[in-house]
Protein backbone atom coordinates (compact mmCIF):
# COMPACT_ATOMS: atom_id res chain seq x y z
CA UNK A 1 9.99 53.61 -6.37
CA UNK A 2 12.25 50.58 -6.03
CA UNK A 3 15.26 52.61 -5.96
CA UNK A 4 14.09 54.70 -3.63
CA UNK A 5 13.11 51.87 -0.99
CA UNK A 6 17.04 50.17 -2.03
CA UNK A 7 18.59 53.65 -1.25
CA UNK A 8 16.63 53.68 2.17
CA UNK A 9 17.84 50.38 3.33
CA UNK A 10 21.24 50.62 2.51
CA UNK A 11 21.60 53.70 4.62
CA UNK A 12 19.07 51.92 7.38
CA UNK A 13 22.46 49.91 6.98
CA UNK A 14 25.22 52.30 7.02
CA UNK A 15 24.03 55.68 8.72
CA UNK A 16 23.87 56.24 12.80
CA UNK A 17 20.52 54.73 12.90
CA UNK A 18 22.13 51.83 14.94
CA UNK A 19 19.34 49.20 14.29
CA UNK A 20 20.84 46.36 16.43
CA UNK A 21 20.80 49.26 19.57
CA UNK A 22 17.64 50.87 18.45
CA UNK A 23 14.06 49.60 20.11
CA UNK A 24 12.06 49.54 17.05
CA UNK A 25 8.19 49.58 17.88
CA UNK A 26 6.09 46.09 17.16
CA UNK A 27 4.19 46.27 13.70
CA UNK A 28 0.52 46.91 14.21
CA UNK A 29 -1.34 43.53 14.41
CA UNK A 30 -3.09 42.39 11.04
CA UNK A 31 -0.15 43.42 8.69
CA UNK A 32 1.68 40.37 9.36
CA UNK A 33 0.28 36.45 9.64
CA UNK A 34 2.70 33.61 10.45
CA UNK A 35 2.55 29.87 10.23
CA UNK A 36 5.26 27.59 11.86
CA UNK A 37 5.87 24.10 12.07
CA UNK A 38 7.71 22.96 14.51
CA UNK A 39 10.38 19.89 15.50
CA UNK A 40 8.19 16.96 16.56
CA UNK A 41 10.85 16.26 19.22
CA UNK A 42 10.55 18.63 22.23
CA UNK A 43 12.95 16.65 24.77
CA UNK A 44 15.65 14.38 24.69
CA UNK A 45 18.05 17.05 23.07
CA UNK A 46 22.10 16.81 23.12
CA UNK A 47 25.15 18.54 22.18
CA UNK A 48 25.16 18.74 18.43
CA UNK A 49 21.51 18.16 17.51
CA UNK A 50 20.31 20.25 14.66
CA UNK A 51 16.68 20.87 15.29
CA UNK A 52 14.95 22.72 12.45
CA UNK A 53 12.05 25.23 12.13
CA UNK A 54 10.15 26.29 9.21
CA UNK A 55 8.35 29.46 9.21
CA UNK A 56 5.92 31.03 6.47
CA UNK A 57 5.39 34.88 6.94
CA UNK A 58 2.83 37.02 5.18
CA UNK A 59 3.23 40.53 4.92
CA UNK A 60 0.51 43.11 3.87
CA UNK A 61 1.29 45.32 1.08
CA UNK A 62 2.58 48.59 1.07
CA UNK A 63 4.78 47.41 4.07
CA UNK A 64 7.82 45.66 2.88
CA UNK A 65 10.48 43.52 4.29
CA UNK A 66 14.20 44.50 5.24
CA UNK A 67 15.95 41.62 4.17
CA UNK A 68 19.03 43.23 5.77
CA UNK A 69 17.31 42.32 9.32
CA UNK A 70 16.65 38.26 7.89
CA UNK A 71 18.66 35.87 10.64
CA UNK A 72 22.08 35.65 10.42
CA UNK A 73 23.47 32.12 10.79
CA UNK A 74 26.53 31.66 13.16
CA UNK A 75 25.31 34.51 15.64
CA UNK A 76 25.19 33.37 19.25
CA UNK A 77 22.51 34.25 21.17
CA UNK A 78 22.54 35.38 24.70
CA UNK A 79 20.00 34.79 27.53
CA UNK A 80 20.52 37.01 30.97
CA UNK A 81 24.33 37.58 30.19
CA UNK A 82 25.31 33.93 29.18
CA UNK A 83 25.79 32.01 25.90
CA UNK A 84 22.48 29.94 24.84
CA UNK A 85 24.04 27.66 23.82
CA UNK A 86 22.18 27.32 20.91
CA UNK A 87 23.52 28.82 17.24
CA UNK A 88 21.64 29.40 14.06
CA UNK A 89 23.54 26.95 11.84
CA UNK A 90 21.90 27.48 8.11
CA UNK A 91 19.44 29.68 6.98
CA UNK A 92 17.00 29.43 3.75
CA UNK A 93 14.71 32.18 2.80
CA UNK A 94 12.57 32.52 0.03
CA UNK A 95 10.53 35.46 -0.89
CA UNK A 96 7.29 35.94 -3.65
CA UNK A 97 5.76 38.73 -4.33
CA UNK A 98 1.64 39.40 -5.07
CA UNK A 99 -0.27 42.58 -5.36
CA UNK A 100 -1.49 42.60 -2.50
CA UNK A 101 1.23 40.91 -0.05
CA UNK A 102 4.66 39.49 0.45
CA UNK A 103 5.26 36.07 1.33
CA UNK A 104 8.63 35.13 3.31
CA UNK A 105 9.38 31.19 3.58
CA UNK A 106 12.61 30.42 6.07
CA UNK A 107 13.95 27.55 6.94
CA UNK A 108 16.05 27.50 10.04
CA UNK A 109 18.16 24.96 11.34
CA UNK A 110 20.03 24.97 14.79
CA UNK A 111 22.80 23.62 16.43
CA UNK A 112 23.23 22.62 19.76
CA UNK A 113 26.59 23.30 21.73
CA UNK A 114 25.79 22.93 25.50
CA UNK A 115 25.47 19.99 27.73
CA UNK A 116 24.48 19.89 30.95
CA UNK A 117 24.95 17.28 34.23
CA UNK A 118 20.97 17.17 34.50
CA UNK A 119 18.28 17.96 32.04
CA UNK A 120 17.73 21.54 31.76
CA UNK A 121 15.39 23.79 29.73
CA UNK A 122 16.21 25.45 26.40
CA UNK A 123 14.91 27.20 24.14
CA UNK A 124 15.27 27.99 19.94
CA UNK A 125 15.49 31.82 19.90
CA UNK A 126 12.73 33.99 19.00
CA UNK A 127 14.34 35.87 15.69
CA UNK A 128 13.01 39.58 14.56
CA UNK A 129 12.35 41.21 11.52
CA UNK A 130 11.91 44.78 10.32
CA UNK A 131 9.48 46.24 8.02
CA UNK A 132 9.30 49.06 6.50
CA UNK A 133 6.26 51.15 4.86
CA UNK A 134 7.86 53.34 1.67
CA UNK A 135 4.53 55.11 1.83
CA UNK A 136 5.17 56.50 4.86
CA UNK A 137 7.08 59.95 4.84
CA UNK A 138 8.16 59.46 8.26
CA UNK A 139 10.15 56.43 6.88
CA UNK A 140 9.61 54.75 10.12
CA UNK A 141 10.94 51.10 10.98
CA UNK A 142 9.06 48.54 13.04
CA UNK A 143 10.14 44.84 13.80
CA UNK A 144 8.03 41.76 14.21
CA UNK A 145 8.70 38.53 16.52
CA UNK A 146 9.31 35.40 15.49
CA UNK A 147 8.41 33.30 19.07
CA UNK A 148 10.83 30.72 20.75
CA UNK A 149 10.49 26.94 20.65
CA UNK A 150 10.64 25.87 24.08
CA UNK A 151 12.92 22.49 24.38
CA UNK A 152 14.57 20.42 26.72
CA UNK A 153 18.21 19.38 26.65
CA UNK A 154 19.69 16.27 28.26
CA UNK A 155 23.01 15.16 29.29
CA UNK A 156 25.29 12.87 27.36
CA UNK A 157 25.14 10.29 30.60
CA UNK A 158 22.84 9.91 33.41
CA UNK A 159 24.23 12.11 36.18
CA UNK A 160 23.47 9.80 39.60
CA UNK A 161 20.23 7.43 40.38
CA UNK A 162 17.30 8.07 37.95
CA UNK A 163 14.01 6.20 38.73
CA UNK A 164 12.17 6.44 35.60
CA UNK A 165 8.45 6.34 37.34
CA UNK A 166 9.58 9.90 38.70
CA UNK A 167 11.12 10.87 35.66
CA UNK A 168 7.59 10.50 32.93
CA UNK A 169 7.93 13.95 31.77
CA UNK A 170 4.54 14.85 29.59
CA UNK A 171 6.34 16.86 27.35
CA UNK A 172 8.56 13.73 26.56
CA UNK A 173 5.32 11.85 24.55
CA UNK A 174 5.53 8.42 23.45
CA UNK A 175 8.79 6.50 21.96
CA UNK A 176 8.19 4.99 18.89
CA UNK A 177 9.83 2.01 17.47
CA UNK A 178 10.76 1.96 13.74
CA UNK A 179 8.71 -1.04 12.22
CA UNK A 180 9.77 -0.88 8.50
CA UNK A 181 12.38 -3.27 8.79
CA UNK A 182 9.59 -5.91 10.69
CA UNK A 183 7.13 -4.88 8.55
CA UNK A 184 9.50 -5.32 5.11
CA UNK A 185 9.97 -8.44 6.75
CA UNK A 186 6.23 -9.73 7.54
CA UNK A 187 5.39 -8.58 3.87
CA UNK A 188 8.40 -10.76 2.18
CA UNK A 189 7.44 -13.98 4.80
CA UNK A 190 3.64 -13.36 3.87
CA UNK A 191 4.39 -13.42 -0.45
CA UNK A 192 6.58 -16.77 0.78
CA UNK A 193 3.40 -18.43 2.94
CA UNK A 194 0.75 -17.46 -0.09
CA UNK A 195 3.23 -19.10 -2.53
CA UNK A 196 3.85 -22.17 -0.48
CA UNK A 197 0.06 -22.58 0.11
CA UNK A 198 -0.88 -22.35 -3.25
CA UNK A 199 1.78 -24.97 -4.22
CA UNK A 200 0.32 -27.15 -1.77
CA UNK A 201 -2.86 -26.82 -3.12
CA UNK A 202 -1.74 -27.09 -6.84
CA UNK A 203 0.22 -30.52 -5.01
CA UNK A 204 -2.38 -32.58 -3.16
CA UNK A 205 -5.52 -30.92 -5.30
CA UNK A 206 -4.08 -33.76 -7.70
CA UNK A 207 -4.40 -36.68 -4.85
CA UNK A 208 -6.72 -35.56 -2.23
CA UNK A 209 -8.49 -32.74 -1.75
CA UNK A 210 -10.07 -32.34 -5.75
CA UNK A 211 -9.26 -35.71 -7.40
CA UNK A 212 -12.98 -35.57 -9.26
CA UNK A 213 -11.60 -33.18 -10.94
CA UNK A 214 -8.91 -35.29 -12.66
CA UNK A 215 -11.63 -38.11 -13.31
CA UNK A 216 -10.85 -40.09 -16.22
CA UNK A 217 -14.62 -39.71 -17.04
CA UNK A 218 -14.22 -35.46 -16.28
CA UNK A 219 -11.16 -35.91 -19.01
CA UNK A 220 -13.01 -38.16 -21.69
CA UNK A 221 -15.96 -35.79 -21.20
CA UNK A 222 -13.92 -32.42 -21.91
CA UNK A 223 -12.47 -34.30 -25.30
CA UNK A 224 -16.23 -35.67 -26.27
CA UNK A 225 -17.80 -32.12 -25.97
CA UNK A 226 -15.25 -30.65 -28.54
CA UNK A 227 -15.86 -33.07 -31.20
CA UNK A 228 -18.06 -31.99 -34.43
CA UNK A 229 -20.57 -34.08 -35.99
CA UNK A 230 -19.05 -36.13 -38.15
CA UNK A 231 -19.15 -40.04 -38.15
CA UNK A 232 -15.86 -40.15 -37.11
CA UNK A 233 -16.85 -38.03 -34.21
CA UNK A 234 -18.93 -40.50 -33.36
CA UNK A 235 -16.85 -43.66 -33.83
CA UNK A 236 -13.78 -41.44 -31.42
CA UNK A 237 -16.41 -40.59 -28.70
CA UNK A 238 -17.81 -44.33 -28.37
CA UNK A 239 -14.35 -45.55 -28.31
CA UNK A 240 -13.15 -43.06 -25.84
CA UNK A 241 -16.08 -43.97 -23.59
CA UNK A 242 -15.08 -47.84 -23.67
CA UNK A 243 -11.33 -46.87 -22.46
CA UNK A 244 -12.47 -44.87 -20.02
CA UNK A 245 -14.99 -47.67 -18.93
CA UNK A 246 -11.90 -50.14 -18.92
CA UNK A 247 -9.94 -48.05 -17.04
CA UNK A 248 -12.16 -47.65 -13.97
CA UNK A 249 -12.70 -51.48 -13.94
CA UNK A 250 -9.86 -52.53 -14.93
CA UNK A 251 -10.70 -54.89 -17.44
CA UNK A 252 -13.19 -54.81 -20.27
CA UNK A 253 -16.61 -54.38 -19.55
CA UNK A 254 -19.45 -55.53 -21.49
CA UNK A 255 -23.46 -55.02 -20.81
CA UNK A 256 -23.29 -58.67 -19.44
CA UNK A 257 -20.81 -57.48 -16.32
CA UNK A 258 -21.93 -54.07 -15.72
CA UNK A 259 -21.93 -55.19 -12.12
CA UNK A 260 -18.12 -55.19 -11.73
CA UNK A 261 -18.69 -51.49 -12.70
CA UNK A 262 -21.38 -51.21 -9.77
CA UNK A 263 -19.16 -52.43 -7.55
CA UNK A 264 -16.55 -49.89 -8.46
CA UNK A 265 -18.46 -47.15 -7.67
CA UNK A 266 -22.37 -47.81 -7.41
CA UNK A 267 -23.33 -44.30 -8.63
CA UNK A 268 -23.35 -45.74 -12.00
CA UNK A 269 -26.43 -47.74 -11.02
CA UNK A 270 -28.36 -44.80 -11.25
CA UNK A 271 -27.80 -44.71 -15.26
CA UNK A 272 -28.19 -48.31 -15.79
CA UNK A 273 -30.59 -47.81 -18.65
CA UNK A 274 -28.40 -45.58 -20.30
CA UNK A 275 -25.05 -47.70 -19.65
CA UNK A 276 -27.41 -50.41 -21.75
CA UNK A 277 -28.22 -47.90 -24.34
CA UNK A 278 -24.50 -47.29 -24.74
CA UNK A 279 -23.77 -50.95 -25.41
CA UNK A 280 -26.66 -51.22 -27.92
CA UNK A 281 -25.46 -48.14 -29.82
CA UNK A 282 -21.67 -48.96 -29.78
CA UNK A 283 -22.98 -52.49 -31.68
CA UNK A 284 -24.85 -50.42 -33.80
CA UNK A 285 -22.27 -48.02 -34.92
CA UNK A 286 -19.34 -50.67 -35.47
CA UNK A 287 -21.13 -53.77 -36.32
CA UNK A 288 -24.26 -52.97 -38.17
CA UNK A 289 -23.72 -49.83 -39.86
CA UNK A 290 -23.86 -50.89 -43.27
CA UNK A 291 -27.24 -52.67 -42.65
CA UNK A 292 -28.81 -49.62 -40.17
CA UNK A 293 -28.43 -45.96 -40.82
CA UNK A 294 -28.08 -43.65 -38.17
CA UNK A 295 -28.10 -39.58 -37.20
CA UNK A 296 -24.51 -38.98 -36.53
CA UNK A 297 -25.68 -35.60 -35.32
CA UNK A 298 -28.10 -37.16 -32.89
CA UNK A 299 -25.80 -39.78 -31.67
CA UNK A 300 -22.78 -37.70 -30.62
CA UNK A 301 -25.55 -35.18 -29.19
CA UNK A 302 -26.58 -37.95 -27.24
CA UNK A 303 -22.98 -39.21 -26.52
CA UNK A 304 -22.19 -35.97 -24.71
CA UNK A 305 -25.09 -35.91 -22.18
CA UNK A 306 -24.32 -39.46 -21.19
CA UNK A 307 -20.59 -38.81 -20.47
CA UNK A 308 -21.76 -35.72 -18.77
CA UNK A 309 -23.63 -37.94 -16.87
CA UNK A 310 -20.87 -40.66 -16.21
CA UNK A 311 -18.83 -37.77 -15.08
CA UNK A 312 -21.31 -36.91 -12.36
CA UNK A 313 -21.66 -40.41 -11.00
CA UNK A 314 -17.83 -40.61 -11.31
CA UNK A 315 -17.92 -37.53 -9.01
CA UNK A 316 -20.93 -39.60 -7.10
CA UNK A 317 -23.03 -36.57 -7.56
CA UNK A 318 -26.84 -37.11 -8.13
CA UNK A 319 -27.98 -38.13 -11.47
CA UNK A 320 -31.72 -36.27 -12.31
CA UNK A 321 -33.22 -39.18 -14.04
CA UNK A 322 -36.08 -37.34 -15.66
CA UNK A 323 -33.52 -35.63 -17.74
CA UNK A 324 -31.69 -38.60 -18.97
CA UNK A 325 -31.28 -38.56 -22.57
CA UNK A 326 -33.78 -40.99 -24.95
CA UNK A 327 -32.28 -43.72 -26.54
CA UNK A 328 -31.49 -43.49 -29.95
CA UNK A 329 -30.19 -47.22 -31.13
CA UNK A 330 -33.63 -48.56 -33.02
């Protein structure tokens, strides 16, 4: 059957049927379906432009496509006896067969070779394909018309005076600007601004915005909470707390001059009892350890709570006296 079809197509192209001269009948409706992707631009074409059309045609079996009827590049069309000025530049096609149909895709690129002194209508010409039913004894050929696409061809230069308010064609559409470069610059600028903002936060947080995060007692508390319960850890915790008090007051702090600490930060008055308990505990650990025993685990736990309370006072937070740890220095 395939060989017979090929032979018949060959005969059609070489014998006296004269396909180009004969008017073939139109194919029956429902046999062929078509989808066309037209160029987005409809106006503003000038000489040399290459508009393209993408066409998908589905042909139901048993009808087959006569491949020799596909559009021929380079063939210049005429309209009312005059050259149309639009030539099919390139044609790419793909044919896919299935049990029920044949799908033909056409990628047609035209080129404009005409120019006018004023805007003139034009069109991407209609194309014709021919179909054949090999099961029909008459071997009659049918044609299918691919519709044209109307466009407007503009001059290369303006002829005469043009008032833009009188030339607002509804076919022109919206003039779009290329925003890709602007968006790219905006993104880069945004990233730079964000990095600069993060840098400013990092710099100024050390001195202005979050100063208490880097306070003396904040650092001391972070060190003490990591200590394990050993006698050496208790001595280190007490030593670190003494050092913190001395840094805040600018002098060595004792129980008798706690008022110097309160002058620097009145929030420490809220833990006055704990401060005095701390000095008793310091005396016990460093000076009376030989005569009095103490539980280093319980003392270290108390010191951790005490350092946290001092950190809160440094940040001028309200310390709940109801949760203050009880004294451990006996």
